[in-house]
């Protein structure tokens, strides 16, 4: 189990998990915030969160969440909806497989952090693509 390797045997595993959560949160913020052309943009770190959910909530829960969220993009057509659906499905499947634990809660919280940023900053999450950046610069493919 990958999660067993995350918590070393010691006196206070909760403090170790807290440090790991902070490191993951810093990585998530760096994946989400982008400074381009003199303004801040919020990108949806879909694959980063997919990887986090696969490690934190079990690989099956992460995979099911990613596939189901991808299938339901017609219901939730924007990045915010995609990330919320992905985090919720991962939490539900992980709860069904392993019960409630700290890693499930951490995975869910990290999964919705970009959506919370988007709501607080009143900016939409955008999906980063090289094609959209080339088109914005006037380069045709």
N, C-alpha and C. Protein backbone atom coordinates (compact mmCIF):
# COMPACT_ATOMS: atom_id res chain seq x y z
N UNK A 1 0.84 -1.18 0.00
CA UNK A 1 0.00 0.00 0.00
C UNK A 1 0.88 1.24 0.00
N UNK A 2 0.61 2.15 -0.91
CA UNK A 2 1.41 3.37 -1.04
C UNK A 2 1.23 4.26 0.17
N UNK A 3 0.02 4.33 0.70
CA UNK A 3 -0.25 5.22 1.83
C UNK A 3 0.51 4.80 3.07
N UNK A 4 0.81 3.51 3.23
CA UNK A 4 1.57 3.05 4.39
C UNK A 4 2.98 3.62 4.36
N UNK A 5 3.52 3.83 3.17
CA UNK A 5 4.86 4.39 3.05
C UNK A 5 4.88 5.89 3.37
N UNK A 6 3.73 6.55 3.31
CA UNK A 6 3.67 7.97 3.60
C UNK A 6 3.81 8.28 5.08
N UNK A 7 3.42 7.37 5.94
CA UNK A 7 3.46 7.61 7.38
C UNK A 7 4.56 6.76 7.99
N UNK A 8 5.67 7.38 8.35
CA UNK A 8 6.74 6.60 8.96
C UNK A 8 6.38 6.18 10.38
N UNK A 9 7.00 5.13 10.81
CA UNK A 9 6.79 4.68 12.19
C UNK A 9 7.52 5.63 13.12
N UNK A 10 6.81 6.22 14.04
CA UNK A 10 7.43 7.19 14.93
C UNK A 10 6.47 7.60 16.01
N UNK A 11 6.89 8.64 16.76
CA UNK A 11 6.09 9.09 17.89
C UNK A 11 4.86 9.89 17.46
N UNK A 12 5.00 10.74 16.45
CA UNK A 12 3.87 11.59 16.09
C UNK A 12 3.64 11.57 14.57
N UNK A 13 2.95 10.55 14.08
CA UNK A 13 2.70 10.49 12.64
C UNK A 13 1.79 11.61 12.15
N UNK A 14 0.98 12.18 13.05
CA UNK A 14 0.09 13.26 12.63
C UNK A 14 0.87 14.49 12.21
N UNK A 15 1.97 14.79 12.91
CA UNK A 15 2.78 15.94 12.51
C UNK A 15 3.46 15.69 11.17
N UNK A 16 3.85 14.45 10.90
CA UNK A 16 4.46 14.11 9.61
C UNK A 16 3.43 14.27 8.50
N UNK A 17 2.21 13.82 8.74
CA UNK A 17 1.15 13.96 7.75
C UNK A 17 0.83 15.43 7.52
N UNK A 18 0.88 16.24 8.57
CA UNK A 18 0.63 17.67 8.43
C UNK A 18 1.71 18.32 7.56
N UNK A 19 2.96 17.95 7.75
CA UNK A 19 4.04 18.48 6.92
C UNK A 19 3.85 18.04 5.47
N UNK A 20 3.49 16.78 5.26
CA UNK A 20 3.25 16.29 3.90
C UNK A 20 2.08 17.03 3.26
N UNK A 21 1.04 17.31 4.04
CA UNK A 21 -0.12 18.04 3.51
C UNK A 21 0.27 19.44 3.09
N UNK A 22 1.12 20.09 3.86
CA UNK A 22 1.58 21.44 3.51
C UNK A 22 2.40 21.41 2.23
N UNK A 23 3.28 20.43 2.09
CA UNK A 23 4.08 20.30 0.87
C UNK A 23 3.17 20.07 -0.35
N UNK A 24 2.18 19.19 -0.20
CA UNK A 24 1.24 18.95 -1.30
C UNK A 24 0.43 20.19 -1.62
N UNK A 25 0.04 20.95 -0.60
CA UNK A 25 -0.72 22.18 -0.81
C UNK A 25 0.12 23.22 -1.55
N UNK A 26 1.39 23.34 -1.19
CA UNK A 26 2.28 24.28 -1.89
C UNK A 26 2.39 23.87 -3.37
N UNK A 27 2.57 22.58 -3.62
CA UNK A 27 2.62 22.10 -5.00
C UNK A 27 1.33 22.40 -5.75
N UNK A 28 0.21 22.24 -5.08
CA UNK A 28 -1.08 22.51 -5.71
C UNK A 28 -1.25 23.99 -6.04
N UNK A 29 -0.83 24.85 -5.13
CA UNK A 29 -0.91 26.29 -5.37
C UNK A 29 -0.02 26.67 -6.56
N UNK A 30 1.18 26.09 -6.62
CA UNK A 30 2.08 26.38 -7.73
C UNK A 30 1.52 25.86 -9.05
N UNK A 31 0.79 24.77 -9.02
CA UNK A 31 0.16 24.24 -10.23
C UNK A 31 -1.05 25.08 -10.66
N UNK A 32 -1.71 25.71 -9.71
CA UNK A 32 -2.96 26.42 -9.99
C UNK A 32 -2.73 27.87 -10.42
N UNK A 33 -1.87 28.58 -9.71
CA UNK A 33 -1.64 29.99 -10.02
C UNK A 33 -0.63 30.15 -11.15
N UNK A 34 -0.95 31.03 -12.08
CA UNK A 34 -0.06 31.29 -13.22
C UNK A 34 -0.10 32.79 -13.51
N UNK A 35 1.08 33.37 -13.67
CA UNK A 35 1.19 34.80 -13.97
C UNK A 35 1.57 34.96 -15.43
N UNK A 36 0.64 35.48 -16.23
CA UNK A 36 0.86 35.64 -17.67
C UNK A 36 0.42 37.01 -18.12
N UNK A 37 1.26 37.63 -18.93
CA UNK A 37 0.95 38.93 -19.53
C UNK A 37 0.48 39.96 -18.50
N UNK A 38 1.14 39.99 -17.36
CA UNK A 38 0.84 41.00 -16.36
C UNK A 38 -0.40 40.76 -15.52
N UNK A 39 -0.97 39.55 -15.57
CA UNK A 39 -2.14 39.26 -14.73
C UNK A 39 -2.12 37.82 -14.27
N UNK A 40 -2.82 37.59 -13.19
CA UNK A 40 -2.89 36.24 -12.61
C UNK A 40 -4.00 35.45 -13.27
N UNK A 41 -3.71 34.20 -13.55
CA UNK A 41 -4.72 33.29 -14.10
C UNK A 41 -4.75 32.03 -13.23
N UNK A 42 -5.88 31.41 -13.17
CA UNK A 42 -6.03 30.17 -12.42
C UNK A 42 -6.19 29.03 -13.42
N UNK A 43 -5.27 28.09 -13.38
CA UNK A 43 -5.38 26.93 -14.25
C UNK A 43 -5.88 25.74 -13.44
N UNK A 44 -6.59 24.87 -14.09
CA UNK A 44 -7.13 23.68 -13.44
C UNK A 44 -6.09 22.57 -13.50
N UNK A 45 -5.50 22.21 -12.36
CA UNK A 45 -4.49 21.14 -12.35
C UNK A 45 -5.14 19.76 -12.33
N UNK A 46 -5.82 19.42 -13.40
CA UNK A 46 -6.63 18.21 -13.47
C UNK A 46 -5.79 16.95 -13.25
N UNK A 47 -4.67 16.84 -13.95
CA UNK A 47 -3.86 15.63 -13.86
C UNK A 47 -3.07 15.58 -12.56
N UNK A 48 -2.66 16.73 -12.04
CA UNK A 48 -1.98 16.78 -10.75
C UNK A 48 -2.91 16.27 -9.65
N UNK A 49 -4.13 16.76 -9.66
CA UNK A 49 -5.10 16.31 -8.65
C UNK A 49 -5.47 14.85 -8.88
N UNK A 50 -5.56 14.44 -10.13
CA UNK A 50 -5.82 13.02 -10.41
C UNK A 50 -4.75 12.13 -9.80
N UNK A 51 -3.49 12.53 -9.92
CA UNK A 51 -2.40 11.77 -9.32
C UNK A 51 -2.45 11.80 -7.80
N UNK A 52 -2.76 12.96 -7.23
CA UNK A 52 -2.88 13.04 -5.77
C UNK A 52 -3.99 12.13 -5.25
N UNK A 53 -5.13 12.15 -5.94
CA UNK A 53 -6.25 11.32 -5.49
C UNK A 53 -5.93 9.83 -5.63
N UNK A 54 -5.18 9.47 -6.67
CA UNK A 54 -4.80 8.07 -6.84
C UNK A 54 -3.88 7.60 -5.72
N UNK A 55 -3.05 8.48 -5.21
CA UNK A 55 -2.13 8.10 -4.13
C UNK A 55 -2.82 8.19 -2.77
N UNK A 56 -3.56 9.27 -2.55
CA UNK A 56 -4.14 9.49 -1.22
C UNK A 56 -5.39 8.66 -0.97
N UNK A 57 -6.21 8.45 -1.98
CA UNK A 57 -7.50 7.78 -1.78
C UNK A 57 -7.51 6.33 -2.27
N UNK A 58 -6.48 5.79 -2.73
CA UNK A 58 -6.27 4.47 -3.36
C UNK A 58 -6.32 4.62 -4.88
N UNK A 59 -5.54 3.83 -5.58
CA UNK A 59 -5.51 3.94 -7.04
C UNK A 59 -6.87 3.71 -7.71
N UNK A 60 -7.65 2.77 -7.20
CA UNK A 60 -8.96 2.49 -7.81
C UNK A 60 -9.90 3.67 -7.64
N UNK A 61 -9.88 4.29 -6.48
CA UNK A 61 -10.75 5.45 -6.25
C UNK A 61 -10.33 6.61 -7.15
N UNK A 62 -9.02 6.84 -7.27
CA UNK A 62 -8.54 7.91 -8.14
C UNK A 62 -8.87 7.68 -9.59
N UNK A 63 -8.71 6.44 -10.05
CA UNK A 63 -9.01 6.11 -11.44
C UNK A 63 -10.51 6.21 -11.72
N UNK A 64 -11.32 5.67 -10.83
CA UNK A 64 -12.78 5.77 -11.00
C UNK A 64 -13.23 7.22 -11.01
N UNK A 65 -12.65 8.03 -10.13
CA UNK A 65 -13.03 9.44 -10.07
C UNK A 65 -12.66 10.17 -11.34
N UNK A 66 -11.47 9.91 -11.86
CA UNK A 66 -11.03 10.59 -13.07
C UNK A 66 -11.89 10.19 -14.27
N UNK A 67 -12.14 8.90 -14.42
CA UNK A 67 -12.94 8.43 -15.55
C UNK A 67 -14.38 8.93 -15.45
N UNK A 68 -14.97 8.82 -14.27
CA UNK A 68 -16.36 9.26 -14.12
C UNK A 68 -16.50 10.77 -14.30
N UNK A 69 -15.55 11.53 -13.78
CA UNK A 69 -15.61 12.98 -13.97
C UNK A 69 -15.46 13.33 -15.44
N UNK A 70 -14.61 12.58 -16.15
CA UNK A 70 -14.42 12.82 -17.58
C UNK A 70 -15.71 12.51 -18.35
N UNK A 71 -16.37 11.43 -17.96
CA UNK A 71 -17.63 11.06 -18.62
C UNK A 71 -18.72 12.09 -18.32
N UNK A 72 -18.72 12.64 -17.13
CA UNK A 72 -19.76 13.58 -16.74
C UNK A 72 -19.44 15.03 -17.10
N UNK A 73 -18.48 15.26 -17.98
CA UNK A 73 -18.16 16.64 -18.35
C UNK A 73 -19.31 17.35 -19.04
N UNK A 74 -20.24 16.59 -19.61
CA UNK A 74 -21.41 17.25 -20.19
C UNK A 74 -22.33 17.81 -19.12
N UNK A 75 -22.33 17.20 -17.94
CA UNK A 75 -23.13 17.70 -16.83
C UNK A 75 -22.42 18.86 -16.13
N UNK A 76 -21.11 18.74 -15.99
CA UNK A 76 -20.30 19.79 -15.37
C UNK A 76 -19.28 20.26 -16.42
N UNK A 77 -19.70 21.16 -17.32
CA UNK A 77 -18.87 21.49 -18.48
C UNK A 77 -17.64 22.34 -18.20
N UNK A 78 -17.52 22.91 -17.01
CA UNK A 78 -16.35 23.74 -16.73
C UNK A 78 -15.38 23.02 -15.80
N UNK A 79 -14.22 23.60 -15.63
CA UNK A 79 -13.17 22.97 -14.83
C UNK A 79 -13.56 22.88 -13.35
N UNK A 80 -14.27 23.87 -12.84
CA UNK A 80 -14.70 23.82 -11.44
C UNK A 80 -15.59 22.60 -11.19
N UNK A 81 -16.55 22.39 -12.06
CA UNK A 81 -17.44 21.23 -11.91
C UNK A 81 -16.69 19.92 -12.03
N UNK A 82 -15.75 19.87 -12.97
CA UNK A 82 -14.95 18.65 -13.17
C UNK A 82 -14.18 18.30 -11.89
N UNK A 83 -13.52 19.30 -11.29
CA UNK A 83 -12.71 19.03 -10.09
C UNK A 83 -13.57 18.65 -8.89
N UNK A 84 -14.74 19.27 -8.77
CA UNK A 84 -15.63 18.92 -7.65
C UNK A 84 -16.15 17.50 -7.82
N UNK A 85 -16.58 17.16 -9.03
CA UNK A 85 -17.06 15.79 -9.29
C UNK A 85 -15.94 14.78 -9.04
N UNK A 86 -14.74 15.10 -9.51
CA UNK A 86 -13.60 14.19 -9.33
C UNK A 86 -13.30 13.98 -7.85
N UNK A 87 -13.27 15.05 -7.06
CA UNK A 87 -12.98 14.92 -5.63
C UNK A 87 -14.09 14.16 -4.90
N UNK A 88 -15.34 14.43 -5.26
CA UNK A 88 -16.46 13.76 -4.59
C UNK A 88 -16.48 12.26 -4.91
N UNK A 89 -16.30 11.91 -6.17
CA UNK A 89 -16.31 10.50 -6.55
C UNK A 89 -15.15 9.76 -5.89
N UNK A 90 -13.97 10.39 -5.87
CA UNK A 90 -12.82 9.75 -5.21
C UNK A 90 -13.09 9.53 -3.72
N UNK A 91 -13.70 10.51 -3.07
CA UNK A 91 -14.00 10.37 -1.64
C UNK A 91 -15.04 9.28 -1.40
N UNK A 92 -16.05 9.22 -2.24
CA UNK A 92 -17.10 8.20 -2.07
C UNK A 92 -16.55 6.80 -2.30
N UNK A 93 -15.78 6.62 -3.37
CA UNK A 93 -15.22 5.29 -3.66
C UNK A 93 -14.19 4.90 -2.60
N UNK A 94 -13.35 5.84 -2.18
CA UNK A 94 -12.36 5.53 -1.14
C UNK A 94 -13.04 5.20 0.18
N UNK A 95 -14.12 5.91 0.50
CA UNK A 95 -14.86 5.59 1.72
C UNK A 95 -15.47 4.19 1.63
N UNK A 96 -16.00 3.86 0.48
CA UNK A 96 -16.59 2.53 0.27
C UNK A 96 -15.53 1.44 0.38
N UNK A 97 -14.32 1.70 -0.14
CA UNK A 97 -13.26 0.68 -0.11
C UNK A 97 -12.55 0.58 1.24
N UNK A 98 -12.26 1.73 1.87
CA UNK A 98 -11.41 1.73 3.07
C UNK A 98 -12.03 2.38 4.30
N UNK A 99 -13.17 2.99 4.18
CA UNK A 99 -13.73 3.71 5.31
C UNK A 99 -13.12 5.10 5.40
N UNK A 100 -13.58 5.85 6.36
CA UNK A 100 -13.13 7.23 6.55
C UNK A 100 -11.74 7.22 7.18
N UNK A 101 -10.82 7.97 6.57
CA UNK A 101 -9.49 8.12 7.14
C UNK A 101 -8.94 9.50 6.79
N UNK A 102 -7.81 9.82 7.36
CA UNK A 102 -7.20 11.13 7.19
C UNK A 102 -6.80 11.39 5.74
N UNK A 103 -6.33 10.37 5.03
CA UNK A 103 -5.89 10.55 3.65
C UNK A 103 -7.07 10.82 2.73
N UNK A 104 -8.21 10.22 3.00
CA UNK A 104 -9.42 10.49 2.22
C UNK A 104 -9.82 11.96 2.37
N UNK A 105 -9.81 12.44 3.58
CA UNK A 105 -10.18 13.84 3.84
C UNK A 105 -9.17 14.78 3.18
N UNK A 106 -7.89 14.46 3.30
CA UNK A 106 -6.85 15.28 2.69
C UNK A 106 -7.00 15.31 1.16
N UNK A 107 -7.27 14.16 0.56
CA UNK A 107 -7.46 14.11 -0.88
C UNK A 107 -8.64 14.93 -1.33
N UNK A 108 -9.75 14.85 -0.60
CA UNK A 108 -10.93 15.63 -0.96
C UNK A 108 -10.65 17.13 -0.84
N UNK A 109 -10.04 17.53 0.26
CA UNK A 109 -9.75 18.96 0.47
C UNK A 109 -8.82 19.49 -0.61
N UNK A 110 -7.75 18.74 -0.90
CA UNK A 110 -6.83 19.18 -1.95
C UNK A 110 -7.51 19.20 -3.31
N UNK A 111 -8.48 18.33 -3.52
CA UNK A 111 -9.20 18.29 -4.79
C UNK A 111 -10.07 19.51 -5.03
N UNK A 112 -10.56 20.13 -3.97
CA UNK A 112 -11.44 21.29 -4.14
C UNK A 112 -10.76 22.63 -3.87
N UNK A 113 -9.49 22.61 -3.48
CA UNK A 113 -8.78 23.87 -3.21
C UNK A 113 -8.75 24.79 -4.43
N UNK A 114 -8.47 24.30 -5.66
CA UNK A 114 -8.51 25.21 -6.80
C UNK A 114 -9.90 25.83 -7.03
N UNK A 115 -10.93 25.10 -6.75
CA UNK A 115 -12.29 25.63 -6.89
C UNK A 115 -12.53 26.73 -5.85
N UNK A 116 -12.04 26.53 -4.65
CA UNK A 116 -12.17 27.56 -3.60
C UNK A 116 -11.39 28.80 -4.00
N UNK A 117 -10.16 28.63 -4.54
CA UNK A 117 -9.40 29.77 -5.05
C UNK A 117 -10.19 30.52 -6.12
N UNK A 118 -10.79 29.78 -7.02
CA UNK A 118 -11.55 30.37 -8.11
C UNK A 118 -12.73 31.19 -7.58
N UNK A 119 -13.42 30.66 -6.61
CA UNK A 119 -14.56 31.37 -6.04
C UNK A 119 -14.13 32.61 -5.26
N UNK A 120 -13.03 32.50 -4.51
CA UNK A 120 -12.56 33.63 -3.72
C UNK A 120 -12.01 34.75 -4.59
N UNK A 121 -11.30 34.38 -5.67
CA UNK A 121 -10.72 35.38 -6.57
C UNK A 121 -11.71 35.85 -7.64
N UNK A 122 -12.87 35.20 -7.72
CA UNK A 122 -13.90 35.52 -8.71
C UNK A 122 -13.35 35.44 -10.13
N UNK A 123 -12.54 34.40 -10.36
CA UNK A 123 -11.98 34.15 -11.69
C UNK A 123 -12.24 32.69 -12.02
N UNK A 124 -12.51 32.40 -13.29
CA UNK A 124 -12.74 31.00 -13.66
C UNK A 124 -11.44 30.22 -13.72
N UNK A 125 -11.54 28.94 -13.49
CA UNK A 125 -10.40 28.05 -13.72
C UNK A 125 -10.35 27.75 -15.21
N UNK A 126 -9.18 27.87 -15.78
CA UNK A 126 -9.03 27.58 -17.21
C UNK A 126 -8.18 26.34 -17.37
N UNK A 127 -8.42 25.63 -18.44
CA UNK A 127 -7.63 24.45 -18.75
C UNK A 127 -6.49 24.90 -19.65
N UNK A 128 -5.28 24.73 -19.19
CA UNK A 128 -4.10 25.18 -19.93
C UNK A 128 -3.84 24.26 -21.10
N UNK A 129 -3.63 24.85 -22.27
CA UNK A 129 -3.25 24.07 -23.44
C UNK A 129 -2.30 24.90 -24.29
N UNK A 130 -1.37 24.24 -24.94
CA UNK A 130 -0.42 24.94 -25.80
C UNK A 130 -1.12 25.58 -26.99
N UNK A 131 -2.16 24.94 -27.47
CA UNK A 131 -2.88 25.45 -28.63
C UNK A 131 -3.53 26.79 -28.31
N UNK A 132 -4.15 26.90 -27.13
CA UNK A 132 -4.78 28.16 -26.76
C UNK A 132 -3.75 29.26 -26.56
N UNK A 133 -2.58 28.90 -26.04
CA UNK A 133 -1.53 29.90 -25.86
C UNK A 133 -0.98 30.36 -27.21
N UNK A 134 -0.82 29.45 -28.17
CA UNK A 134 -0.33 29.81 -29.50
C UNK A 134 -1.33 30.70 -30.20
N UNK A 135 -2.61 30.40 -30.07
CA UNK A 135 -3.65 31.20 -30.70
C UNK A 135 -3.69 32.60 -30.09
N UNK A 136 -3.44 32.70 -28.79
CA UNK A 136 -3.45 33.99 -28.12
C UNK A 136 -2.28 34.85 -28.59
N UNK A 137 -1.18 34.23 -28.97
CA UNK A 137 -0.02 34.97 -29.44
C UNK A 137 -0.10 35.26 -30.93
N UNK A 138 -1.08 34.73 -31.61
CA UNK A 138 -1.22 34.96 -33.04
C UNK A 138 -0.48 33.96 -33.90
N UNK A 139 -0.06 32.86 -33.35
CA UNK A 139 0.65 31.83 -34.09
C UNK A 139 -0.37 30.79 -34.54
N UNK A 140 -0.43 30.54 -35.80
CA UNK A 140 -1.38 29.51 -36.28
C UNK A 140 -0.65 28.20 -36.46
N UNK A 141 -1.39 27.10 -36.29
CA UNK A 141 -0.77 25.78 -36.42
C UNK A 141 -1.06 25.16 -37.74
